[in-house]
């Protein structure tokens, strides 16, 4: 790890711990599908949603299923926008978030591969 005169062993340990926590978070949260509309984990709000989806309710009862059955009706990647400007802004924001996540994962991986110098 790059050392400066101002970095003492405590700050090095803190930085190492911080990067390890980031890596664990990125690994453990990588498997849950995120709802783009809420930013939270994609879930159904009704226990009957899987059955409703198999019966075609996602198409015939859209007003209910779009709100309550987002996971079963595969609506977690759909976000409603009011204008093309809003769509462009959201797309740019998501692109920046993705680039930040990639940088954090790459840095955490680099540190893990290199090892720790305390």
PDB file of N, CA and C in Angstrom:
ATOM      1  N   UNK A   1       0.841  -1.163   0.000  1.00  0.00           N
ATOM      2  CA  UNK A   1       0.000   0.000   0.000  1.00  0.00           C
ATOM      3  C   UNK A   1       0.891   1.233   0.000  1.00  0.00           C
ATOM      4  N   UNK A   2       0.509   2.258  -0.738  1.00  0.00           N
ATOM      5  CA  UNK A   2       1.268   3.503  -0.801  1.00  0.00           C
ATOM      6  C   UNK A   2       1.238   4.175   0.562  1.00  0.00           C
ATOM      7  N   UNK A   3       2.400   4.549   1.072  1.00  0.00           N
ATOM      8  CA  UNK A   3       2.489   5.162   2.397  1.00  0.00           C
ATOM      9  C   UNK A   3       2.966   6.595   2.270  1.00  0.00           C
ATOM     10  N   UNK A   4       2.354   7.455   3.055  1.00  0.00           N
ATOM     11  CA  UNK A   4       2.818   8.826   3.154  1.00  0.00           C
ATOM     12  C   UNK A   4       3.284   9.048   4.582  1.00  0.00           C
ATOM     13  N   UNK A   5       4.106  10.066   4.822  1.00  0.00           N
ATOM     14  CA  UNK A   5       4.559  10.313   6.190  1.00  0.00           C
ATOM     15  C   UNK A   5       3.405  10.539   7.163  1.00  0.00           C
ATOM     16  N   UNK A   6       2.294  11.072   6.670  1.00  0.00           N
ATOM     17  CA  UNK A   6       1.167  11.372   7.557  1.00  0.00           C
ATOM     18  C   UNK A   6       0.369  10.128   7.940  1.00  0.00           C
ATOM     19  N   UNK A   7       0.530   9.035   7.201  1.00  0.00           N
ATOM     20  CA  UNK A   7      -0.243   7.826   7.486  1.00  0.00           C
ATOM     21  C   UNK A   7       0.434   7.023   8.581  1.00  0.00           C
ATOM     22  N   UNK A   8      -0.262   6.839   9.678  1.00  0.00           N
ATOM     23  CA  UNK A   8       0.267   5.987  10.729  1.00  0.00           C
ATOM     24  C   UNK A   8      -0.369   4.606  10.620  1.00  0.00           C
ATOM     25  N   UNK A   9       0.030   3.713  11.488  1.00  0.00           N
ATOM     26  CA  UNK A   9      -0.480   2.346  11.388  1.00  0.00           C
ATOM     27  C   UNK A   9      -1.979   2.284  11.629  1.00  0.00           C
ATOM     28  N   UNK A  10      -2.520   3.171  12.479  1.00  0.00           N
ATOM     29  CA  UNK A  10      -3.969   3.170  12.706  1.00  0.00           C
ATOM     30  C   UNK A  10      -4.715   3.531  11.431  1.00  0.00           C
ATOM     31  N   UNK A  11      -4.274   4.573  10.742  1.00  0.00           N
ATOM     32  CA  UNK A  11      -4.969   4.976   9.518  1.00  0.00           C
ATOM     33  C   UNK A  11      -4.820   3.917   8.434  1.00  0.00           C
ATOM     34  N   UNK A  12      -3.695   3.218   8.402  1.00  0.00           N
ATOM     35  CA  UNK A  12      -3.531   2.127   7.444  1.00  0.00           C
ATOM     36  C   UNK A  12      -4.496   0.991   7.758  1.00  0.00           C
ATOM     37  N   UNK A  13      -4.616   0.646   9.048  1.00  0.00           N
ATOM     38  CA  UNK A  13      -5.545  -0.419   9.432  1.00  0.00           C
ATOM     39  C   UNK A  13      -6.982  -0.007   9.129  1.00  0.00           C
ATOM     40  N   UNK A  14      -7.317   1.254   9.390  1.00  0.00           N
ATOM     41  CA  UNK A  14      -8.665   1.732   9.109  1.00  0.00           C
ATOM     42  C   UNK A  14      -8.963   1.642   7.615  1.00  0.00           C
ATOM     43  N   UNK A  15      -8.041   2.080   6.783  1.00  0.00           N
ATOM     44  CA  UNK A  15      -8.228   2.029   5.337  1.00  0.00           C
ATOM     45  C   UNK A  15      -8.377   0.590   4.866  1.00  0.00           C
ATOM     46  N   UNK A  16      -7.560  -0.305   5.388  1.00  0.00           N
ATOM     47  CA  UNK A  16      -7.637  -1.716   5.023  1.00  0.00           C
ATOM     48  C   UNK A  16      -8.984  -2.295   5.420  1.00  0.00           C
ATOM     49  N   UNK A  17      -9.425  -2.015   6.635  1.00  0.00           N
ATOM     50  CA  UNK A  17     -10.713  -2.506   7.103  1.00  0.00           C
ATOM     51  C   UNK A  17     -11.844  -1.944   6.254  1.00  0.00           C
ATOM     52  N   UNK A  18     -11.783  -0.665   5.939  1.00  0.00           N
ATOM     53  CA  UNK A  18     -12.801  -0.025   5.115  1.00  0.00           C
ATOM     54  C   UNK A  18     -12.908  -0.699   3.750  1.00  0.00           C
ATOM     55  N   UNK A  19     -11.782  -0.949   3.114  1.00  0.00           N
ATOM     56  CA  UNK A  19     -11.796  -1.586   1.798  1.00  0.00           C
ATOM     57  C   UNK A  19     -12.295  -3.025   1.872  1.00  0.00           C
ATOM     58  N   UNK A  20     -11.963  -3.724   2.951  1.00  0.00           N
ATOM     59  CA  UNK A  20     -12.464  -5.090   3.110  1.00  0.00           C
ATOM     60  C   UNK A  20     -13.982  -5.086   3.282  1.00  0.00           C
ATOM     61  N   UNK A  21     -14.508  -4.126   4.036  1.00  0.00           N
ATOM     62  CA  UNK A  21     -15.959  -4.022   4.212  1.00  0.00           C
ATOM     63  C   UNK A  21     -16.627  -3.715   2.881  1.00  0.00           C
ATOM     64  N   UNK A  22     -16.051  -2.811   2.095  1.00  0.00           N
ATOM     65  CA  UNK A  22     -16.599  -2.518   0.773  1.00  0.00           C
ATOM     66  C   UNK A  22     -16.637  -3.762  -0.101  1.00  0.00           C
ATOM     67  N   UNK A  23     -15.587  -4.553  -0.055  1.00  0.00           N
ATOM     68  CA  UNK A  23     -15.536  -5.771  -0.852  1.00  0.00           C
ATOM     69  C   UNK A  23     -16.610  -6.747  -0.407  1.00  0.00           C
ATOM     70  N   UNK A  24     -16.762  -6.934   0.892  1.00  0.00           N
ATOM     71  CA  UNK A  24     -17.787  -7.852   1.401  1.00  0.00           C
ATOM     72  C   UNK A  24     -19.176  -7.373   1.003  1.00  0.00           C
ATOM     73  N   UNK A  25     -19.427  -6.084   1.115  1.00  0.00           N
ATOM     74  CA  UNK A  25     -20.731  -5.544   0.728  1.00  0.00           C
ATOM     75  C   UNK A  25     -20.987  -5.774  -0.748  1.00  0.00           C
ATOM     76  N   UNK A  26     -19.992  -5.521  -1.586  1.00  0.00           N
ATOM     77  CA  UNK A  26     -20.195  -5.695  -3.024  1.00  0.00           C
ATOM     78  C   UNK A  26     -20.399  -7.153  -3.385  1.00  0.00           C
ATOM     79  N   UNK A  27     -19.761  -8.064  -2.670  1.00  0.00           N
ATOM     80  CA  UNK A  27     -19.935  -9.489  -2.949  1.00  0.00           C
ATOM     81  C   UNK A  27     -21.297  -9.961  -2.470  1.00  0.00           C
ATOM     82  N   UNK A  28     -21.687  -9.586  -1.256  1.00  0.00           N
ATOM     83  CA  UNK A  28     -22.940 -10.091  -0.698  1.00  0.00           C
ATOM     84  C   UNK A  28     -24.165  -9.460  -1.323  1.00  0.00           C
ATOM     85  N   UNK A  29     -24.076  -8.234  -1.809  1.00  0.00           N
ATOM     86  CA  UNK A  29     -25.248  -7.608  -2.414  1.00  0.00           C
ATOM     87  C   UNK A  29     -25.318  -7.832  -3.913  1.00  0.00           C
ATOM     88  N   UNK A  30     -24.344  -8.460  -4.488  1.00  0.00           N
ATOM     89  CA  UNK A  30     -24.326  -8.658  -5.926  1.00  0.00           C
ATOM     90  C   UNK A  30     -25.354  -9.641  -6.438  1.00  0.00           C
ATOM     91  N   UNK A  31     -25.964 -10.438  -5.557  1.00  0.00           N
ATOM     92  CA  UNK A  31     -26.877 -11.480  -6.005  1.00  0.00           C
ATOM     93  C   UNK A  31     -28.345 -11.068  -5.949  1.00  0.00           C
ATOM     94  N   UNK A  32     -28.685 -10.072  -5.172  1.00  0.00           N
ATOM     95  CA  UNK A  32     -30.069  -9.631  -5.071  1.00  0.00           C
ATOM     96  C   UNK A  32     -30.380  -8.701  -6.235  1.00  0.00           C
ATOM     97  N   UNK A  33     -31.538  -8.917  -6.841  1.00  0.00           N
ATOM     98  CA  UNK A  33     -31.948  -8.030  -7.927  1.00  0.00           C
ATOM     99  C   UNK A  33     -32.453  -6.728  -7.314  1.00  0.00           C
ATOM    100  N   UNK A  34     -32.008  -5.623  -7.850  1.00  0.00           N
ATOM    101  CA  UNK A  34     -32.382  -4.311  -7.336  1.00  0.00           C
ATOM    102  C   UNK A  34     -33.505  -3.738  -8.189  1.00  0.00           C
ATOM    103  N   UNK A  35     -34.498  -3.192  -7.531  1.00  0.00           N
ATOM    104  CA  UNK A  35     -35.616  -2.536  -8.201  1.00  0.00           C
ATOM    105  C   UNK A  35     -35.164  -1.128  -8.583  1.00  0.00           C
ATOM    106  N   UNK A  36     -35.106  -0.838  -9.873  1.00  0.00           N
ATOM    107  CA  UNK A  36     -34.593   0.462 -10.318  1.00  0.00           C
ATOM    108  C   UNK A  36     -35.492   1.611  -9.894  1.00  0.00           C
ATOM    109  N   UNK A  37     -36.751   1.334  -9.655  1.00  0.00           N
ATOM    110  CA  UNK A  37     -37.670   2.395  -9.257  1.00  0.00           C
ATOM    111  C   UNK A  37     -37.465   2.809  -7.802  1.00  0.00           C
ATOM    112  N   UNK A  38     -37.197   1.830  -6.930  1.00  0.00           N
ATOM    113  CA  UNK A  38     -37.061   2.129  -5.503  1.00  0.00           C
ATOM    114  C   UNK A  38     -35.610   2.150  -5.036  1.00  0.00           C
ATOM    115  N   UNK A  39     -34.723   1.454  -5.747  1.00  0.00           N
ATOM    116  CA  UNK A  39     -33.337   1.322  -5.313  1.00  0.00           C
ATOM    117  C   UNK A  39     -33.154   0.243  -4.265  1.00  0.00           C
ATOM    118  N   UNK A  40     -34.224  -0.437  -3.910  1.00  0.00           N
ATOM    119  CA  UNK A  40     -34.179  -1.499  -2.912  1.00  0.00           C
ATOM    120  C   UNK A  40     -34.215  -2.859  -3.595  1.00  0.00           C
ATOM    121  N   UNK A  41     -34.149  -3.911  -2.796  1.00  0.00           N
ATOM    122  CA  UNK A  41     -34.232  -5.254  -3.352  1.00  0.00           C
ATOM    123  C   UNK A  41     -35.600  -5.449  -4.001  1.00  0.00           C
ATOM    124  N   UNK A  42     -35.607  -6.110  -5.143  1.00  0.00           N
ATOM    125  CA  UNK A  42     -36.844  -6.366  -5.872  1.00  0.00           C
ATOM    126  C   UNK A  42     -37.648  -7.448  -5.155  1.00  0.00           C
ATOM    127  N   UNK A  43     -38.856  -7.122  -4.765  1.00  0.00           N
ATOM    128  CA  UNK A  43     -39.709  -8.071  -4.048  1.00  0.00           C
ATOM    129  C   UNK A  43     -41.152  -7.941  -4.522  1.00  0.00           C
ATOM    130  N   UNK A  44     -41.925  -8.980  -4.215  1.00  0.00           N
ATOM    131  CA  UNK A  44     -43.373  -8.936  -4.394  1.00  0.00           C
ATOM    132  C   UNK A  44     -43.993  -8.500  -3.079  1.00  0.00           C
ATOM    133  N   UNK A  45     -45.067  -7.732  -3.149  1.00  0.00           N
ATOM    134  CA  UNK A  45     -45.765  -7.294  -1.938  1.00  0.00           C
ATOM    135  C   UNK A  45     -46.977  -8.163  -1.622  1.00  0.00           C
ATOM    136  N   UNK A  46     -47.228  -9.133  -2.474  1.00  0.00           N
ATOM    137  CA  UNK A  46     -48.369 -10.032  -2.284  1.00  0.00           C
ATOM    138  C   UNK A  46     -47.862 -11.461  -2.440  1.00  0.00           C
ATOM    139  N   UNK A  47     -48.198 -12.320  -1.479  1.00  0.00           N
ATOM    140  CA  UNK A  47     -47.754 -13.720  -1.535  1.00  0.00           C
ATOM    141  C   UNK A  47     -48.315 -14.467  -2.738  1.00  0.00           C
ATOM    142  N   UNK A  48     -49.396 -13.972  -3.314  1.00  0.00           N
ATOM    143  CA  UNK A  48     -50.036 -14.652  -4.451  1.00  0.00           C
ATOM    144  C   UNK A  48     -49.422 -14.264  -5.798  1.00  0.00           C
ATOM    145  N   UNK A  49     -48.452 -13.362  -5.799  1.00  0.00           N
ATOM    146  CA  UNK A  49     -47.881 -12.860  -7.060  1.00  0.00           C
ATOM    147  C   UNK A  49     -47.329 -13.947  -7.976  1.00  0.00           C
ATOM    148  N   UNK A  50     -46.558 -14.932  -7.475  1.00  0.00           N
ATOM    149  CA  UNK A  50     -46.069 -15.966  -8.396  1.00  0.00           C
ATOM    150  C   UNK A  50     -47.210 -16.704  -9.103  1.00  0.00           C
ATOM    151  N   UNK A  51     -48.267 -17.023  -8.368  1.00  0.00           N
ATOM    152  CA  UNK A  51     -49.427 -17.690  -8.971  1.00  0.00           C
ATOM    153  C   UNK A  51     -50.114 -16.764  -9.965  1.00  0.00           C
ATOM    154  N   UNK A  52     -50.291 -15.511  -9.583  1.00  0.00           N
ATOM    155  CA  UNK A  52     -50.934 -14.546 -10.476  1.00  0.00           C
ATOM    156  C   UNK A  52     -50.144 -14.391 -11.775  1.00  0.00           C
ATOM    157  N   UNK A  53     -48.823 -14.388 -11.669  1.00  0.00           N
ATOM    158  CA  UNK A  53     -47.986 -14.244 -12.862  1.00  0.00           C
ATOM    159  C   UNK A  53     -48.166 -15.427 -13.803  1.00  0.00           C
ATOM    160  N   UNK A  54     -48.229 -16.642 -13.244  1.00  0.00           N
ATOM    161  CA  UNK A  54     -48.402 -17.826 -14.103  1.00  0.00           C
ATOM    162  C   UNK A  54     -49.780 -17.857 -14.745  1.00  0.00           C
ATOM    163  N   UNK A  55     -50.752 -17.170 -14.153  1.00  0.00           N
ATOM    164  CA  UNK A  55     -52.110 -17.139 -14.698  1.00  0.00           C
ATOM    165  C   UNK A  55     -52.316 -15.973 -15.667  1.00  0.00           C
ATOM    166  N   UNK A  56     -51.262 -15.212 -15.953  1.00  0.00           N
ATOM    167  CA  UNK A  56     -51.361 -14.125 -16.918  1.00  0.00           C
ATOM    168  C   UNK A  56     -51.842 -12.803 -16.352  1.00  0.00           C
ATOM    169  N   UNK A  57     -51.920 -12.705 -15.027  1.00  0.00           N
ATOM    170  CA  UNK A  57     -52.406 -11.477 -14.397  1.00  0.00           C
ATOM    171  C   UNK A  57     -51.477 -10.284 -14.625  1.00  0.00           C
ATOM    172  N   UNK A  58     -50.210 -10.532 -14.925  1.00  0.00           N
ATOM    173  CA  UNK A  58     -49.276  -9.419 -15.161  1.00  0.00           C
ATOM    174  C   UNK A  58     -49.728  -8.572 -16.345  1.00  0.00           C
ATOM    175  N   UNK A  59     -50.399  -9.200 -17.299  1.00  0.00           N
ATOM    176  CA  UNK A  59     -50.886  -8.463 -18.470  1.00  0.00           C
ATOM    177  C   UNK A  59     -52.334  -8.027 -18.318  1.00  0.00           C
ATOM    178  N   UNK A  60     -53.157  -8.868 -17.703  1.00  0.00           N
ATOM    179  CA  UNK A  60     -54.579  -8.536 -17.620  1.00  0.00           C
ATOM    180  C   UNK A  60     -54.920  -7.620 -16.447  1.00  0.00           C
ATOM    181  N   UNK A  61     -54.072  -7.566 -15.439  1.00  0.00           N
ATOM    182  CA  UNK A  61     -54.328  -6.739 -14.262  1.00  0.00           C
ATOM    183  C   UNK A  61     -53.086  -5.889 -13.949  1.00  0.00           C
ATOM    184  N   UNK A  62     -52.632  -5.157 -14.943  1.00  0.00           N
ATOM    185  CA  UNK A  62     -51.373  -4.403 -14.833  1.00  0.00           C
ATOM    186  C   UNK A  62     -51.367  -3.371 -13.709  1.00  0.00           C
ATOM    187  N   UNK A  63     -52.458  -2.697 -13.491  1.00  0.00           N
ATOM    188  CA  UNK A  63     -52.449  -1.641 -12.472  1.00  0.00           C
ATOM    189  C   UNK A  63     -52.106  -2.207 -11.096  1.00  0.00           C
ATOM    190  N   UNK A  64     -52.587  -3.401 -10.782  1.00  0.00           N
ATOM    191  CA  UNK A  64     -52.279  -4.017  -9.492  1.00  0.00           C
ATOM    192  C   UNK A  64     -50.900  -4.673  -9.506  1.00  0.00           C
ATOM    193  N   UNK A  65     -50.624  -5.478 -10.525  1.00  0.00           N
ATOM    194  CA  UNK A  65     -49.381  -6.253 -10.529  1.00  0.00           C
ATOM    195  C   UNK A  65     -48.141  -5.387 -10.717  1.00  0.00           C
ATOM    196  N   UNK A  66     -48.239  -4.287 -11.463  1.00  0.00           N
ATOM    197  CA  UNK A  66     -47.074  -3.401 -11.618  1.00  0.00           C
ATOM    198  C   UNK A  66     -46.649  -2.808 -10.284  1.00  0.00           C
ATOM    199  N   UNK A  67     -47.589  -2.624  -9.392  1.00  0.00           N
ATOM    200  CA  UNK A  67     -47.297  -2.059  -8.073  1.00  0.00           C
ATOM    201  C   UNK A  67     -46.927  -3.129  -7.052  1.00  0.00           C
ATOM    202  N   UNK A  68     -47.649  -4.244  -7.044  1.00  0.00           N
ATOM    203  CA  UNK A  68     -47.512  -5.234  -5.972  1.00  0.00           C
ATOM    204  C   UNK A  68     -46.731  -6.491  -6.351  1.00  0.00           C
ATOM    205  N   UNK A  69     -46.539  -6.746  -7.631  1.00  0.00           N
ATOM    206  CA  UNK A  69     -45.889  -7.996  -8.076  1.00  0.00           C
ATOM    207  C   UNK A  69     -44.697  -7.705  -8.976  1.00  0.00           C
ATOM    208  N   UNK A  70     -43.867  -6.763  -8.591  1.00  0.00           N
ATOM    209  CA  UNK A  70     -42.766  -6.330  -9.456  1.00  0.00           C
ATOM    210  C   UNK A  70     -41.784  -7.457  -9.752  1.00  0.00           C
ATOM    211  N   UNK A  71     -41.507  -8.311  -8.775  1.00  0.00           N
ATOM    212  CA  UNK A  71     -40.555  -9.398  -8.994  1.00  0.00           C
ATOM    213  C   UNK A  71     -41.150 -10.472  -9.902  1.00  0.00           C
ATOM    214  N   UNK A  72     -42.320 -10.971  -9.570  1.00  0.00           N
ATOM    215  CA  UNK A  72     -42.932 -12.049 -10.347  1.00  0.00           C
ATOM    216  C   UNK A  72     -43.279 -11.619 -11.764  1.00  0.00           C
ATOM    217  N   UNK A  73     -43.605 -10.351 -11.944  1.00  0.00           N
ATOM    218  CA  UNK A  73     -43.972  -9.848 -13.270  1.00  0.00           C
ATOM    219  C   UNK A  73     -42.790  -9.224 -14.009  1.00  0.00           C
ATOM    220  N   UNK A  74     -41.584  -9.402 -13.481  1.00  0.00           N
ATOM    221  CA  UNK A  74     -40.353  -8.921 -14.116  1.00  0.00           C
ATOM    222  C   UNK A  74     -40.421  -7.422 -14.415  1.00  0.00           C
ATOM    223  N   UNK A  75     -40.827  -6.649 -13.408  1.00  0.00           N
ATOM    224  CA  UNK A  75     -40.963  -5.199 -13.563  1.00  0.00           C
ATOM    225  C   UNK A  75     -39.868  -4.422 -12.840  1.00  0.00           C
ATOM    226  N   UNK A  76     -38.889  -5.110 -12.257  1.00  0.00           N
ATOM    227  CA  UNK A  76     -37.869  -4.429 -11.454  1.00  0.00           C
ATOM    228  C   UNK A  76     -36.868  -3.646 -12.294  1.00  0.00           C
ATOM    229  N   UNK A  77     -36.820  -3.921 -13.569  1.00  0.00           N
ATOM    230  CA  UNK A  77     -35.901  -3.186 -14.444  1.00  0.00           C
ATOM    231  C   UNK A  77     -36.625  -2.093 -15.213  1.00  0.00           C
ATOM    232  N   UNK A  78     -37.874  -1.824 -14.824  1.00  0.00           N
ATOM    233  CA  UNK A  78     -38.688  -0.822 -15.508  1.00  0.00           C
ATOM    234  C   UNK A  78     -38.875   0.380 -14.590  1.00  0.00           C
ATOM    235  N   UNK A  79     -38.578   1.558 -15.118  1.00  0.00           N
ATOM    236  CA  UNK A  79     -38.761   2.793 -14.351  1.00  0.00           C
ATOM    237  C   UNK A  79     -39.591   3.753 -15.184  1.00  0.00           C
ATOM    238  N   UNK A  80     -40.591   4.315 -14.581  1.00  0.00           N
ATOM    239  CA  UNK A  80     -41.429   5.287 -15.277  1.00  0.00           C
ATOM    240  C   UNK A  80     -40.764   6.674 -15.200  1.00  0.00           C
ATOM    241  N   UNK A  81     -40.719   7.349 -16.332  1.00  0.00           N
ATOM    242  CA  UNK A  81     -40.160   8.704 -16.384  1.00  0.00           C
ATOM    243  C   UNK A  81     -41.164   9.628 -17.053  1.00  0.00           C
ATOM    244  N   UNK A  82     -41.053  10.915 -16.772  1.00  0.00           N
ATOM    245  CA  UNK A  82     -42.004  11.894 -17.297  1.00  0.00           C
ATOM    246  C   UNK A  82     -41.532  12.594 -18.562  1.00  0.00           C
ATOM    247  N   UNK A  83     -40.228  12.553 -18.832  1.00  0.00           N
ATOM    248  CA  UNK A  83     -39.711  13.254 -20.008  1.00  0.00           C
ATOM    249  C   UNK A  83     -38.407  12.609 -20.463  1.00  0.00           C
ATOM    250  N   UNK A  84     -37.999  12.957 -21.668  1.00  0.00           N
ATOM    251  CA  UNK A  84     -36.733  12.424 -22.176  1.00  0.00           C
ATOM    252  C   UNK A  84     -35.554  13.001 -21.392  1.00  0.00           C
ATOM    253  N   UNK A  85     -35.697  14.233 -20.894  1.00  0.00           N
ATOM    254  CA  UNK A  85     -34.631  14.831 -20.083  1.00  0.00           C
ATOM    255  C   UNK A  85     -34.443  14.054 -18.785  1.00  0.00           C
ATOM    256  N   UNK A  86     -35.557  13.677 -18.162  1.00  0.00           N
ATOM    257  CA  UNK A  86     -35.474  12.892 -16.931  1.00  0.00           C
ATOM    258  C   UNK A  86     -34.846  11.526 -17.210  1.00  0.00           C
ATOM    259  N   UNK A  87     -35.210  10.934 -18.341  1.00  0.00           N
ATOM    260  CA  UNK A  87     -34.640   9.644 -18.715  1.00  0.00           C
ATOM    261  C   UNK A  87     -33.129   9.762 -18.908  1.00  0.00           C
ATOM    262  N   UNK A  88     -32.666  10.796 -19.591  1.00  0.00           N
ATOM    263  CA  UNK A  88     -31.236  10.991 -19.811  1.00  0.00           C
ATOM    264  C   UNK A  88     -30.499  11.213 -18.493  1.00  0.00           C
ATOM    265  N   UNK A  89     -31.103  11.987 -17.597  1.00  0.00           N
ATOM    266  CA  UNK A  89     -30.494  12.245 -16.293  1.00  0.00           C
ATOM    267  C   UNK A  89     -30.359  10.954 -15.492  1.00  0.00           C
ATOM    268  N   UNK A  90     -31.389  10.140 -15.484  1.00  0.00           N
ATOM    269  CA  UNK A  90     -31.358   8.876 -14.741  1.00  0.00           C
ATOM    270  C   UNK A  90     -30.335   7.929 -15.351  1.00  0.00           C
ATOM    271  N   UNK A  91     -30.290   7.868 -16.677  1.00  0.00           N
ATOM    272  CA  UNK A  91     -29.318   6.989 -17.339  1.00  0.00           C
ATOM    273  C   UNK A  91     -27.893   7.417 -17.007  1.00  0.00           C
ATOM    274  N   UNK A  92     -27.619   8.708 -17.007  1.00  0.00           N
ATOM    275  CA  UNK A  92     -26.286   9.209 -16.665  1.00  0.00           C
ATOM    276  C   UNK A  92     -25.948   8.889 -15.213  1.00  0.00           C
ATOM    277  N   UNK A  93     -26.919   9.056 -14.319  1.00  0.00           N
ATOM    278  CA  UNK A  93     -26.706   8.752 -12.901  1.00  0.00           C
ATOM    279  C   UNK A  93     -26.394   7.272 -12.712  1.00  0.00           C
ATOM    280  N   UNK A  94     -27.136   6.396 -13.375  1.00  0.00           N
ATOM    281  CA  UNK A  94     -26.900   4.954 -13.254  1.00  0.00           C
ATOM    282  C   UNK A  94     -25.536   4.580 -13.829  1.00  0.00           C
ATOM    283  N   UNK A  95     -25.149   5.216 -14.919  1.00  0.00           N
ATOM    284  CA  UNK A  95     -23.839   4.954 -15.514  1.00  0.00           C
ATOM    285  C   UNK A  95     -22.728   5.342 -14.540  1.00  0.00           C
ATOM    286  N   UNK A  96     -22.865   6.493 -13.901  1.00  0.00           N
ATOM    287  CA  UNK A  96     -21.863   6.942 -12.928  1.00  0.00           C
ATOM    288  C   UNK A  96     -21.807   6.012 -11.716  1.00  0.00           C
ATOM    289  N   UNK A  97     -22.974   5.543 -11.256  1.00  0.00           N
ATOM    290  CA  UNK A  97     -23.009   4.604 -10.130  1.00  0.00           C
ATOM    291  C   UNK A  97     -22.304   3.303 -10.494  1.00  0.00           C
ATOM    292  N   UNK A  98     -22.548   2.809 -11.693  1.00  0.00           N
ATOM    293  CA  UNK A  98     -21.918   1.575 -12.147  1.00  0.00           C
ATOM    294  C   UNK A  98     -20.409   1.739 -12.253  1.00  0.00           C
ATOM    295  N   UNK A  99     -19.955   2.858 -12.790  1.00  0.00           N
ATOM    296  CA  UNK A  99     -18.518   3.102 -12.904  1.00  0.00           C
ATOM    297  C   UNK A  99     -17.872   3.173 -11.519  1.00  0.00           C
ATOM    298  N   UNK A 100     -18.545   3.802 -10.558  1.00  0.00           N
ATOM    299  CA  UNK A 100     -18.024   3.888  -9.190  1.00  0.00           C
ATOM    300  C   UNK A 100     -17.927   2.497  -8.567  1.00  0.00           C
ATOM    301  N   UNK A 101     -18.958   1.674  -8.751  1.00  0.00           N
ATOM    302  CA  UNK A 101     -18.932   0.310  -8.216  1.00  0.00           C
ATOM    303  C   UNK A 101     -17.788  -0.492  -8.826  1.00  0.00           C
ATOM    304  N   UNK A 102     -17.584  -0.347 -10.120  1.00  0.00           N
ATOM    305  CA  UNK A 102     -16.491  -1.072 -10.782  1.00  0.00           C
ATOM    306  C   UNK A 102     -15.135  -0.643 -10.234  1.00  0.00           C
ATOM    307  N   UNK A 103     -14.958   0.678 -10.037  1.00  0.00           N
ATOM    308  CA  UNK A 103     -13.694   1.173  -9.482  1.00  0.00           C
ATOM    309  C   UNK A 103     -13.462   0.628  -8.074  1.00  0.00           C
ATOM    310  N   UNK A 104     -14.510   0.619  -7.251  1.00  0.00           N
ATOM    311  CA  UNK A 104     -14.378   0.123  -5.878  1.00  0.00           C
ATOM    312  C   UNK A 104     -14.042  -1.363  -5.857  1.00  0.00           C
ATOM    313  N   UNK A 105     -14.700  -2.137  -6.696  1.00  0.00           N
ATOM    314  CA  UNK A 105     -14.409  -3.575  -6.756  1.00  0.00           C
ATOM    315  C   UNK A 105     -12.997  -3.830  -7.256  1.00  0.00           C
ATOM    316  N   UNK A 106     -12.591  -3.067  -8.262  1.00  0.00           N
ATOM    317  CA  UNK A 106     -11.249  -3.230  -8.815  1.00  0.00           C
ATOM    318  C   UNK A 106     -10.191  -2.885  -7.771  1.00  0.00           C
ATOM    319  N   UNK A 107     -10.395  -1.809  -7.030  1.00  0.00           N
ATOM    320  CA  UNK A 107      -9.454  -1.405  -5.990  1.00  0.00           C
ATOM    321  C   UNK A 107      -9.409  -2.436  -4.865  1.00  0.00           C
ATOM    322  N   UNK A 108     -10.571  -2.927  -4.447  1.00  0.00           N
ATOM    323  CA  UNK A 108     -10.612  -3.946  -3.394  1.00  0.00           C
ATOM    324  C   UNK A 108      -9.913  -5.219  -3.855  1.00  0.00           C
ATOM    325  N   UNK A 109     -10.133  -5.611  -5.093  1.00  0.00           N
ATOM    326  CA  UNK A 109      -9.484  -6.803  -5.635  1.00  0.00           C
ATOM    327  C   UNK A 109      -7.976  -6.608  -5.704  1.00  0.00           C
ATOM    328  N   UNK A 110      -7.544  -5.412  -6.122  1.00  0.00           N
ATOM    329  CA  UNK A 110      -6.112  -5.119  -6.208  1.00  0.00           C
ATOM    330  C   UNK A 110      -5.464  -5.230  -4.832  1.00  0.00           C
ATOM    331  N   UNK A 111      -6.126  -4.701  -3.827  1.00  0.00           N
ATOM    332  CA  UNK A 111      -5.581  -4.752  -2.471  1.00  0.00           C
ATOM    333  C   UNK A 111      -5.519  -6.185  -1.970  1.00  0.00           C
ATOM    334  N   UNK A 112      -6.568  -6.954  -2.235  1.00  0.00           N
ATOM    335  CA  UNK A 112      -6.565  -8.352  -1.786  1.00  0.00           C
ATOM    336  C   UNK A 112      -5.475  -9.160  -2.478  1.00  0.00           C
ATOM    337  N   UNK A 113      -5.268  -8.904  -3.767  1.00  0.00           N
ATOM    338  CA  UNK A 113      -4.236  -9.641  -4.503  1.00  0.00           C
ATOM    339  C   UNK A 113      -2.838  -9.227  -4.052  1.00  0.00           C
ATOM    340  N   UNK A 114      -2.656  -7.954  -3.784  1.00  0.00           N
ATOM    341  CA  UNK A 114      -1.338  -7.448  -3.404  1.00  0.00           C
ATOM    342  C   UNK A 114      -0.983  -7.826  -1.975  1.00  0.00           C
ATOM    343  N   UNK A 115      -1.975  -7.892  -1.120  1.00  0.00           N
ATOM    344  CA  UNK A 115      -1.717  -8.171   0.285  1.00  0.00           C
ATOM    345  C   UNK A 115      -1.670  -6.883   1.069  1.00  0.00           C
ATOM    346  N   UNK A 116      -1.507  -7.023   2.340  1.00  0.00           N
ATOM    347  CA  UNK A 116      -1.541  -5.871   3.222  1.00  0.00           C
ATOM    348  C   UNK A 116      -0.158  -5.609   3.787  1.00  0.00           C
ATOM    349  N   UNK A 117       0.245  -4.359   3.777  1.00  0.00           N
ATOM    350  CA  UNK A 117       1.503  -3.932   4.372  1.00  0.00           C
ATOM    351  C   UNK A 117       1.160  -3.066   5.574  1.00  0.00           C
ATOM    352  N   UNK A 118       1.208  -3.636   6.736  1.00  0.00           N
ATOM    353  CA  UNK A 118       0.879  -2.857   7.940  1.00  0.00           C
ATOM    354  C   UNK A 118       2.121  -2.557   8.723  1.00  0.00           C
TER     355      UNK A 118
END
